Amino acid sequence: MWKSLFLLCCLVAFVASRPQGADERPEPYEYNYEVKDPEKDLFFDKNEAGDASGKVTGKYSVWLPDGRLMTVEYTVENGESGFVPKITFADNASPFG
């Protein structure tokens, strides 16, 4: 049983790691979400989009316990650059209006 499970995991890892062929181009996508709960002083959100060339751009924010809003804007590109973040903090930035 363990051998079968190990072989299945190896097969899944091999298929997932194979390079993309000409017919396997990235599909454009876009998603976002937001969690806002003033009673619990809880806020976080995320927006992300990917294009047909494989480039991903996005942003997420988290309201920290000290009252600052941390925002991370990022890009992800195929090639040398990989994940490139830009992190900012806004003091006393209540997302509740």
PDB file of N, CA and C in Angstrom:
ATOM      1  N   MET A   1       0.827  -1.190   0.000  1.00  0.00           N
ATOM      2  CA  MET A   1       0.000   0.000   0.000  1.00  0.00           C
ATOM      3  C   MET A   1       0.874   1.258   0.000  1.00  0.00           C
ATOM      4  N   TRP A   2       1.899   1.299   0.873  1.00  0.00           N
ATOM      5  CA  TRP A   2       2.745   2.487   0.950  1.00  0.00           C
ATOM      6  C   TRP A   2       3.517   2.701  -0.341  1.00  0.00           C
ATOM      7  N   LYS A   3       3.946   1.590  -0.972  1.00  0.00           N
ATOM      8  CA  LYS A   3       4.651   1.716  -2.247  1.00  0.00           C
ATOM      9  C   LYS A   3       3.743   2.325  -3.309  1.00  0.00           C
ATOM     10  N   SER A   4       2.500   1.888  -3.334  1.00  0.00           N
ATOM     11  CA  SER A   4       1.539   2.426  -4.309  1.00  0.00           C
ATOM     12  C   SER A   4       1.302   3.905  -4.072  1.00  0.00           C
ATOM     13  N   LEU A   5       1.162   4.291  -2.820  1.00  0.00           N
ATOM     14  CA  LEU A   5       0.958   5.696  -2.481  1.00  0.00           C
ATOM     15  C   LEU A   5       2.180   6.528  -2.859  1.00  0.00           C
ATOM     16  N   PHE A   6       3.370   6.007  -2.592  1.00  0.00           N
ATOM     17  CA  PHE A   6       4.601   6.708  -2.957  1.00  0.00           C
ATOM     18  C   PHE A   6       4.693   6.893  -4.465  1.00  0.00           C
ATOM     19  N   LEU A   7       4.407   5.827  -5.229  1.00  0.00           N
ATOM     20  CA  LEU A   7       4.461   5.915  -6.691  1.00  0.00           C
ATOM     21  C   LEU A   7       3.426   6.904  -7.226  1.00  0.00           C
ATOM     22  N   LEU A   8       2.252   6.930  -6.628  1.00  0.00           N
ATOM     23  CA  LEU A   8       1.223   7.881  -7.049  1.00  0.00           C
ATOM     24  C   LEU A   8       1.684   9.307  -6.788  1.00  0.00           C
ATOM     25  N   CYS A   9       2.295   9.564  -5.628  1.00  0.00           N
ATOM     26  CA  CYS A   9       2.810  10.904  -5.318  1.00  0.00           C
ATOM     27  C   CYS A   9       3.909  11.300  -6.299  1.00  0.00           C
ATOM     28  N   CYS A  10       4.787  10.368  -6.636  1.00  0.00           N
ATOM     29  CA  CYS A  10       5.848  10.663  -7.604  1.00  0.00           C
ATOM     30  C   CYS A  10       5.263  10.994  -8.967  1.00  0.00           C
ATOM     31  N   LEU A  11       4.246  10.260  -9.387  1.00  0.00           N
ATOM     32  CA  LEU A  11       3.608  10.513 -10.676  1.00  0.00           C
ATOM     33  C   LEU A  11       2.951  11.885 -10.696  1.00  0.00           C
ATOM     34  N   VAL A  12       2.242  12.237  -9.633  1.00  0.00           N
ATOM     35  CA  VAL A  12       1.604  13.555  -9.544  1.00  0.00           C
ATOM     36  C   VAL A  12       2.652  14.647  -9.582  1.00  0.00           C
ATOM     37  N   ALA A  13       3.749  14.484  -8.861  1.00  0.00           N
ATOM     38  CA  ALA A  13       4.816  15.497  -8.846  1.00  0.00           C
ATOM     39  C   ALA A  13       5.451  15.625 -10.232  1.00  0.00           C
ATOM     40  N   PHE A  14       5.635  14.526 -10.934  1.00  0.00           N
ATOM     41  CA  PHE A  14       6.222  14.574 -12.270  1.00  0.00           C
ATOM     42  C   PHE A  14       5.299  15.299 -13.241  1.00  0.00           C
ATOM     43  N   VAL A  15       4.029  14.977 -13.239  1.00  0.00           N
ATOM     44  CA  VAL A  15       3.081  15.616 -14.155  1.00  0.00           C
ATOM     45  C   VAL A  15       2.953  17.097 -13.841  1.00  0.00           C
ATOM     46  N   ALA A  16       2.929  17.459 -12.577  1.00  0.00           N
ATOM     47  CA  ALA A  16       2.789  18.867 -12.188  1.00  0.00           C
ATOM     48  C   ALA A  16       4.039  19.676 -12.526  1.00  0.00           C
ATOM     49  N   SER A  17       5.196  19.043 -12.590  1.00  0.00           N
ATOM     50  CA  SER A  17       6.429  19.788 -12.809  1.00  0.00           C
ATOM     51  C   SER A  17       6.862  19.836 -14.274  1.00  0.00           C
ATOM     52  N   ARG A  18       6.139  19.179 -15.158  1.00  0.00           N
ATOM     53  CA  ARG A  18       6.572  19.189 -16.561  1.00  0.00           C
ATOM     54  C   ARG A  18       6.386  20.568 -17.170  1.00  0.00           C
ATOM     55  N   PRO A  19       7.236  20.937 -18.113  1.00  0.00           N
ATOM     56  CA  PRO A  19       7.141  22.268 -18.720  1.00  0.00           C
ATOM     57  C   PRO A  19       5.879  22.408 -19.566  1.00  0.00           C
ATOM     58  N   GLN A  20       5.423  23.660 -19.675  1.00  0.00           N
ATOM     59  CA  GLN A  20       4.234  23.918 -20.470  1.00  0.00           C
ATOM     60  C   GLN A  20       4.562  23.771 -21.948  1.00  0.00           C
ATOM     61  N   GLY A  21       3.687  23.111 -22.677  1.00  0.00           N
ATOM     62  CA  GLY A  21       3.858  22.972 -24.112  1.00  0.00           C
ATOM     63  C   GLY A  21       3.179  24.123 -24.833  1.00  0.00           C
ATOM     64  N   ALA A  22       3.253  24.096 -26.152  1.00  0.00           N
ATOM     65  CA  ALA A  22       2.676  25.168 -26.971  1.00  0.00           C
ATOM     66  C   ALA A  22       1.177  25.282 -26.778  1.00  0.00           C
ATOM     67  N   ASP A  23       0.510  24.160 -26.487  1.00  0.00           N
ATOM     68  CA  ASP A  23      -0.940  24.199 -26.325  1.00  0.00           C
ATOM     69  C   ASP A  23      -1.371  24.455 -24.880  1.00  0.00           C
ATOM     70  N   GLU A  24      -0.430  24.670 -23.977  1.00  0.00           N
ATOM     71  CA  GLU A  24      -0.744  24.890 -22.572  1.00  0.00           C
ATOM     72  C   GLU A  24      -0.353  26.299 -22.147  1.00  0.00           C
ATOM     73  N   ARG A  25      -0.976  27.283 -22.724  1.00  0.00           N
ATOM     74  CA  ARG A  25      -0.684  28.679 -22.384  1.00  0.00           C
ATOM     75  C   ARG A  25      -1.474  29.086 -21.151  1.00  0.00           C
ATOM     76  N   PRO A  26      -0.933  30.029 -20.390  1.00  0.00           N
ATOM     77  CA  PRO A  26      -1.678  30.511 -19.208  1.00  0.00           C
ATOM     78  C   PRO A  26      -3.001  31.150 -19.624  1.00  0.00           C
ATOM     79  N   GLU A  27      -4.000  30.907 -18.841  1.00  0.00           N
ATOM     80  CA  GLU A  27      -5.317  31.510 -19.067  1.00  0.00           C
ATOM     81  C   GLU A  27      -5.409  32.804 -18.257  1.00  0.00           C
ATOM     82  N   PRO A  28      -5.909  33.878 -18.858  1.00  0.00           N
ATOM     83  CA  PRO A  28      -6.135  35.104 -18.083  1.00  0.00           C
ATOM     84  C   PRO A  28      -7.163  34.847 -16.980  1.00  0.00           C
ATOM     85  N   TYR A  29      -6.962  35.475 -15.831  1.00  0.00           N
ATOM     86  CA  TYR A  29      -7.908  35.336 -14.730  1.00  0.00           C
ATOM     87  C   TYR A  29      -7.883  36.594 -13.884  1.00  0.00           C
ATOM     88  N   GLU A  30      -8.863  36.715 -13.026  1.00  0.00           N
ATOM     89  CA  GLU A  30      -8.939  37.822 -12.079  1.00  0.00           C
ATOM     90  C   GLU A  30      -9.778  37.366 -10.895  1.00  0.00           C
ATOM     91  N   TYR A  31      -9.319  37.679  -9.691  1.00  0.00           N
ATOM     92  CA  TYR A  31     -10.142  37.395  -8.516  1.00  0.00           C
ATOM     93  C   TYR A  31      -9.850  38.400  -7.423  1.00  0.00           C
ATOM     94  N   ASN A  32     -10.783  38.491  -6.480  1.00  0.00           N
ATOM     95  CA  ASN A  32     -10.597  39.365  -5.322  1.00  0.00           C
ATOM     96  C   ASN A  32     -11.496  38.887  -4.194  1.00  0.00           C
ATOM     97  N   TYR A  33     -11.130  39.280  -2.993  1.00  0.00           N
ATOM     98  CA  TYR A  33     -11.971  39.027  -1.825  1.00  0.00           C
ATOM     99  C   TYR A  33     -11.680  40.081  -0.779  1.00  0.00           C
ATOM    100  N   GLU A  34     -12.596  40.200   0.164  1.00  0.00           N
ATOM    101  CA  GLU A  34     -12.438  41.153   1.272  1.00  0.00           C
ATOM    102  C   GLU A  34     -13.131  40.588   2.497  1.00  0.00           C
ATOM    103  N   VAL A  35     -12.461  40.696   3.633  1.00  0.00           N
ATOM    104  CA  VAL A  35     -13.030  40.319   4.921  1.00  0.00           C
ATOM    105  C   VAL A  35     -13.008  41.565   5.784  1.00  0.00           C
ATOM    106  N   LYS A  36     -14.179  41.967   6.265  1.00  0.00           N
ATOM    107  CA  LYS A  36     -14.301  43.200   7.048  1.00  0.00           C
ATOM    108  C   LYS A  36     -15.220  42.907   8.233  1.00  0.00           C
ATOM    109  N   ASP A  37     -14.680  42.984   9.452  1.00  0.00           N
ATOM    110  CA  ASP A  37     -15.455  42.737  10.656  1.00  0.00           C
ATOM    111  C   ASP A  37     -15.088  43.783  11.705  1.00  0.00           C
ATOM    112  N   PRO A  38     -15.817  44.913  11.737  1.00  0.00           N
ATOM    113  CA  PRO A  38     -15.481  45.985  12.684  1.00  0.00           C
ATOM    114  C   PRO A  38     -15.567  45.555  14.154  1.00  0.00           C
ATOM    115  N   GLU A  39     -16.486  44.647  14.479  1.00  0.00           N
ATOM    116  CA  GLU A  39     -16.624  44.209  15.871  1.00  0.00           C
ATOM    117  C   GLU A  39     -15.354  43.527  16.380  1.00  0.00           C
ATOM    118  N   LYS A  40     -14.659  42.824  15.502  1.00  0.00           N
ATOM    119  CA  LYS A  40     -13.437  42.113  15.889  1.00  0.00           C
ATOM    120  C   LYS A  40     -12.184  42.838  15.418  1.00  0.00           C
ATOM    121  N   ASP A  41     -12.332  44.074  14.908  1.00  0.00           N
ATOM    122  CA  ASP A  41     -11.197  44.840  14.372  1.00  0.00           C
ATOM    123  C   ASP A  41     -10.408  44.003  13.365  1.00  0.00           C
ATOM    124  N   LEU A  42     -11.123  43.401  12.428  1.00  0.00           N
ATOM    125  CA  LEU A  42     -10.520  42.494  11.466  1.00  0.00           C
ATOM    126  C   LEU A  42     -10.758  42.994  10.046  1.00  0.00           C
ATOM    127  N   PHE A  43      -9.675  43.137   9.285  1.00  0.00           N
ATOM    128  CA  PHE A  43      -9.792  43.508   7.880  1.00  0.00           C
ATOM    129  C   PHE A  43      -8.610  42.945   7.103  1.00  0.00           C
ATOM    130  N   PHE A  44      -8.916  42.308   5.973  1.00  0.00           N
ATOM    131  CA  PHE A  44      -7.902  41.959   4.983  1.00  0.00           C
ATOM    132  C   PHE A  44      -8.577  41.778   3.639  1.00  0.00           C
ATOM    133  N   ASP A  45      -7.815  42.034   2.581  1.00  0.00           N
ATOM    134  CA  ASP A  45      -8.358  41.896   1.236  1.00  0.00           C
ATOM    135  C   ASP A  45      -7.263  41.484   0.267  1.00  0.00           C
ATOM    136  N   LYS A  46      -7.682  41.079  -0.926  1.00  0.00           N
ATOM    137  CA  LYS A  46      -6.720  40.709  -1.957  1.00  0.00           C
ATOM    138  C   LYS A  46      -7.373  40.871  -3.320  1.00  0.00           C
ATOM    139  N   ASN A  47      -6.573  41.361  -4.273  1.00  0.00           N
ATOM    140  CA  ASN A  47      -6.955  41.462  -5.679  1.00  0.00           C
ATOM    141  C   ASN A  47      -5.783  40.916  -6.482  1.00  0.00           C
ATOM    142  N   GLU A  48      -6.070  40.092  -7.489  1.00  0.00           N
ATOM    143  CA  GLU A  48      -5.004  39.541  -8.310  1.00  0.00           C
ATOM    144  C   GLU A  48      -5.529  39.292  -9.714  1.00  0.00           C
ATOM    145  N   ALA A  49      -4.654  39.485 -10.704  1.00  0.00           N
ATOM    146  CA  ALA A  49      -4.998  39.216 -12.097  1.00  0.00           C
ATOM    147  C   ALA A  49      -3.783  38.637 -12.803  1.00  0.00           C
ATOM    148  N   GLY A  50      -4.041  37.688 -13.690  1.00  0.00           N
ATOM    149  CA  GLY A  50      -2.998  37.103 -14.515  1.00  0.00           C
ATOM    150  C   GLY A  50      -3.369  37.258 -15.974  1.00  0.00           C
ATOM    151  N   ASP A  51      -2.363  37.458 -16.824  1.00  0.00           N
ATOM    152  CA  ASP A  51      -2.659  37.631 -18.243  1.00  0.00           C
ATOM    153  C   ASP A  51      -2.212  36.402 -19.048  1.00  0.00           C
ATOM    154  N   ALA A  52      -2.449  36.440 -20.348  1.00  0.00           N
ATOM    155  CA  ALA A  52      -2.158  35.298 -21.219  1.00  0.00           C
ATOM    156  C   ALA A  52      -0.665  35.020 -21.361  1.00  0.00           C
ATOM    157  N   SER A  53       0.186  35.986 -21.004  1.00  0.00           N
ATOM    158  CA  SER A  53       1.633  35.752 -21.083  1.00  0.00           C
ATOM    159  C   SER A  53       2.183  35.122 -19.799  1.00  0.00           C
ATOM    160  N   GLY A  54       1.352  34.997 -18.774  1.00  0.00           N
ATOM    161  CA  GLY A  54       1.783  34.414 -17.504  1.00  0.00           C
ATOM    162  C   GLY A  54       2.145  35.433 -16.446  1.00  0.00           C
ATOM    163  N   LYS A  55       2.078  36.727 -16.765  1.00  0.00           N
ATOM    164  CA  LYS A  55       2.396  37.769 -15.787  1.00  0.00           C
ATOM    165  C   LYS A  55       1.222  37.911 -14.809  1.00  0.00           C
ATOM    166  N   VAL A  56       1.552  38.014 -13.527  1.00  0.00           N
ATOM    167  CA  VAL A  56       0.547  38.168 -12.479  1.00  0.00           C
ATOM    168  C   VAL A  56       0.826  39.471 -11.747  1.00  0.00           C
ATOM    169  N   THR A  57      -0.219  40.262 -11.520  1.00  0.00           N
ATOM    170  CA  THR A  57      -0.110  41.468 -10.702  1.00  0.00           C
ATOM    171  C   THR A  57      -1.169  41.377  -9.621  1.00  0.00           C
ATOM    172  N   GLY A  58      -0.826  41.888  -8.449  1.00  0.00           N
ATOM    173  CA  GLY A  58      -1.785  41.805  -7.368  1.00  0.00           C
ATOM    174  C   GLY A  58      -1.453  42.729  -6.226  1.00  0.00           C
ATOM    175  N   LYS A  59      -2.377  42.730  -5.263  1.00  0.00           N
ATOM    176  CA  LYS A  59      -2.233  43.562  -4.073  1.00  0.00           C
ATOM    177  C   LYS A  59      -3.029  42.905  -2.961  1.00  0.00           C
ATOM    178  N   TYR A  60      -2.459  42.908  -1.755  1.00  0.00           N
ATOM    179  CA  TYR A  60      -3.250  42.511  -0.589  1.00  0.00           C
ATOM    180  C   TYR A  60      -2.948  43.444   0.564  1.00  0.00           C
ATOM    181  N   SER A  61      -3.931  43.600   1.428  1.00  0.00           N
ATOM    182  CA  SER A  61      -3.816  44.493   2.582  1.00  0.00           C
ATOM    183  C   SER A  61      -4.265  43.766   3.835  1.00  0.00           C
ATOM    184  N   VAL A  62      -3.622  44.125   4.943  1.00  0.00           N
ATOM    185  CA  VAL A  62      -3.978  43.572   6.253  1.00  0.00           C
ATOM    186  C   VAL A  62      -3.944  44.714   7.261  1.00  0.00           C
ATOM    187  N   TRP A  63      -5.022  44.862   8.014  1.00  0.00           N
ATOM    188  CA  TRP A  63      -5.045  45.854   9.076  1.00  0.00           C
ATOM    189  C   TRP A  63      -4.386  45.238  10.298  1.00  0.00           C
ATOM    190  N   LEU A  64      -3.281  45.807  10.731  1.00  0.00           N
ATOM    191  CA  LEU A  64      -2.480  45.259  11.814  1.00  0.00           C
ATOM    192  C   LEU A  64      -3.028  45.680  13.183  1.00  0.00           C
ATOM    193  N   PRO A  65      -2.729  44.919  14.239  1.00  0.00           N
ATOM    194  CA  PRO A  65      -3.218  45.258  15.576  1.00  0.00           C
ATOM    195  C   PRO A  65      -2.777  46.626  16.071  1.00  0.00           C
ATOM    196  N   ASP A  66      -1.660  47.162  15.562  1.00  0.00           N
ATOM    197  CA  ASP A  66      -1.197  48.474  16.015  1.00  0.00           C
ATOM    198  C   ASP A  66      -1.862  49.636  15.258  1.00  0.00           C
ATOM    199  N   GLY A  67      -2.870  49.337  14.409  1.00  0.00           N
ATOM    200  CA  GLY A  67      -3.619  50.385  13.715  1.00  0.00           C
ATOM    201  C   GLY A  67      -3.087  50.742  12.340  1.00  0.00           C
ATOM    202  N   ARG A  68      -1.979  50.138  11.924  1.00  0.00           N
ATOM    203  CA  ARG A  68      -1.451  50.414  10.587  1.00  0.00           C
ATOM    204  C   ARG A  68      -2.080  49.468   9.571  1.00  0.00           C
ATOM    205  N   LEU A  69      -2.181  49.955   8.349  1.00  0.00           N
ATOM    206  CA  LEU A  69      -2.641  49.124   7.251  1.00  0.00           C
ATOM    207  C   LEU A  69      -1.417  48.758   6.411  1.00  0.00           C
ATOM    208  N   MET A  70      -1.092  47.475   6.378  1.00  0.00           N
ATOM    209  CA  MET A  70       0.025  47.000   5.569  1.00  0.00           C
ATOM    210  C   MET A  70      -0.511  46.593   4.202  1.00  0.00           C
ATOM    211  N   THR A  71       0.110  47.121   3.146  1.00  0.00           N
ATOM    212  CA  THR A  71      -0.294  46.780   1.786  1.00  0.00           C
ATOM    213  C   THR A  71       0.913  46.241   1.034  1.00  0.00           C
ATOM    214  N   VAL A  72       0.707  45.128   0.363  1.00  0.00           N
ATOM    215  CA  VAL A  72       1.749  44.517  -0.454  1.00  0.00           C
ATOM    216  C   VAL A  72       1.251  44.499  -1.895  1.00  0.00           C
ATOM    217  N   GLU A  73       1.937  45.247  -2.763  1.00  0.00           N
ATOM    218  CA  GLU A  73       1.663  45.210  -4.195  1.00  0.00           C
ATOM    219  C   GLU A  73       2.770  44.379  -4.823  1.00  0.00           C
ATOM    220  N   TYR A  74       2.416  43.513  -5.769  1.00  0.00           N
ATOM    221  CA  TYR A  74       3.421  42.611  -6.308  1.00  0.00           C
ATOM    222  C   TYR A  74       3.184  42.296  -7.778  1.00  0.00           C
ATOM    223  N   THR A  75       4.251  41.832  -8.403  1.00  0.00           N
ATOM    224  CA  THR A  75       4.188  41.275  -9.747  1.00  0.00           C
ATOM    225  C   THR A  75       4.946  39.952  -9.724  1.00  0.00           C
ATOM    226  N   VAL A  76       4.517  39.063 -10.574  1.00  0.00           N
ATOM    227  CA  VAL A  76       5.195  37.791 -10.757  1.00  0.00           C
ATOM    228  C   VAL A  76       5.305  37.589 -12.258  1.00  0.00           C
ATOM    229  N   GLU A  77       6.527  37.413 -12.728  1.00  0.00           N
ATOM    230  CA  GLU A  77       6.747  37.211 -14.159  1.00  0.00           C
ATOM    231  C   GLU A  77       7.565  35.956 -14.374  1.00  0.00           C
ATOM    232  N   ASN A  78       7.355  35.344 -15.512  1.00  0.00           N
ATOM    233  CA  ASN A  78       8.212  34.212 -15.887  1.00  0.00           C
ATOM    234  C   ASN A  78       9.598  34.752 -16.177  1.00  0.00           C
ATOM    235  N   GLY A  79      10.601  34.000 -15.847  1.00  0.00           N
ATOM    236  CA  GLY A  79      11.957  34.449 -16.119  1.00  0.00           C
ATOM    237  C   GLY A  79      12.722  34.724 -14.844  1.00  0.00           C
ATOM    238  N   GLU A  80      13.598  35.695 -14.896  1.00  0.00           N
ATOM    239  CA  GLU A  80      14.539  35.960 -13.813  1.00  0.00           C
ATOM    240  C   GLU A  80      13.938  36.685 -12.604  1.00  0.00           C
ATOM    241  N   SER A  81      12.938  37.542 -12.811  1.00  0.00           N
ATOM    242  CA  SER A  81      12.490  38.413 -11.713  1.00  0.00           C
ATOM    243  C   SER A  81      11.673  37.681 -10.658  1.00  0.00           C
ATOM    244  N   GLY A  82      10.837  36.723 -11.025  1.00  0.00           N
ATOM    245  CA  GLY A  82      10.012  36.004 -10.062  1.00  0.00           C
ATOM    246  C   GLY A  82       9.060  36.934  -9.323  1.00  0.00           C
ATOM    247  N   PHE A  83       8.864  36.701  -8.025  1.00  0.00           N
ATOM    248  CA  PHE A  83       7.957  37.484  -7.176  1.00  0.00           C
ATOM    249  C   PHE A  83       8.645  38.776  -6.753  1.00  0.00           C
ATOM    250  N   VAL A  84       8.045  39.929  -7.109  1.00  0.00           N
ATOM    251  CA  VAL A  84       8.632  41.229  -6.779  1.00  0.00           C
ATOM    252  C   VAL A  84       7.612  42.032  -5.963  1.00  0.00           C
ATOM    253  N   PRO A  85       7.783  42.130  -4.632  1.00  0.00           N
ATOM    254  CA  PRO A  85       6.829  42.857  -3.800  1.00  0.00           C
ATOM    255  C   PRO A  85       7.248  44.298  -3.530  1.00  0.00           C
ATOM    256  N   LYS A  86       6.257  45.122  -3.252  1.00  0.00           N
ATOM    257  CA  LYS A  86       6.482  46.483  -2.744  1.00  0.00           C
ATOM    258  C   LYS A  86       5.561  46.607  -1.526  1.00  0.00           C
ATOM    259  N   ILE A  87       6.148  46.798  -0.354  1.00  0.00           N
ATOM    260  CA  ILE A  87       5.387  46.798   0.904  1.00  0.00           C
ATOM    261  C   ILE A  87       5.316  48.220   1.442  1.00  0.00           C
ATOM    262  N   THR A  88       4.094  48.647   1.794  1.00  0.00           N
ATOM    263  CA  THR A  88       3.906  49.968   2.393  1.00  0.00           C
ATOM    264  C   THR A  88       3.058  49.833   3.655  1.00  0.00           C
ATOM    265  N   PHE A  89       3.215  50.817   4.554  1.00  0.00           N
ATOM    266  CA  PHE A  89       2.442  50.869   5.789  1.00  0.00           C
ATOM    267  C   PHE A  89       1.791  52.246   5.890  1.00  0.00           C
ATOM    268  N   ALA A  90       0.508  52.275   6.222  1.00  0.00           N
ATOM    269  CA  ALA A  90      -0.202  53.540   6.435  1.00  0.00           C
ATOM    270  C   ALA A  90      -0.601  53.604   7.907  1.00  0.00           C
ATOM    271  N   ASP A  91      -0.179  54.667   8.609  1.00  0.00           N
ATOM    272  CA  ASP A  91      -0.505  54.818  10.029  1.00  0.00           C
ATOM    273  C   ASP A  91      -1.957  55.232  10.217  1.00  0.00           C
ATOM    274  N   ASN A  92      -2.575  54.715  11.279  1.00  0.00           N
ATOM    275  CA  ASN A  92      -3.956  55.072  11.652  1.00  0.00           C
ATOM    276  C   ASN A  92      -4.895  55.024  10.448  1.00  0.00           C
ATOM    277  N   ALA A  93      -4.824  53.971   9.675  1.00  0.00           N
ATOM    278  CA  ALA A  93      -5.623  53.852   8.446  1.00  0.00           C
ATOM    279  C   ALA A  93      -6.767  52.872   8.673  1.00  0.00           C
ATOM    280  N   SER A  94      -7.806  53.288   9.337  1.00  0.00           N
ATOM    281  CA  SER A  94      -8.932  52.414   9.593  1.00  0.00           C
ATOM    282  C   SER A  94      -9.678  52.117   8.289  1.00  0.00           C
ATOM    283  N   PRO A  95      -9.837  50.861   7.934  1.00  0.00           N
ATOM    284  CA  PRO A  95     -10.556  50.510   6.732  1.00  0.00           C
ATOM    285  C   PRO A  95     -12.077  50.521   6.911  1.00  0.00           C
ATOM    286  N   PHE A  96     -12.549  50.937   8.084  1.00  0.00           N
ATOM    287  CA  PHE A  96     -13.978  50.897   8.383  1.00  0.00           C
ATOM    288  C   PHE A  96     -14.689  52.228   8.158  1.00  0.00           C
ATOM    289  N   GLY A  97     -14.050  53.133   7.428  1.00  0.00           N
ATOM    290  CA  GLY A  97     -14.750  54.376   7.086  1.00  0.00           C
ATOM    291  C   GLY A  97     -14.391  55.552   7.878  1.00  0.00           C
TER     292      GLY A  97
END
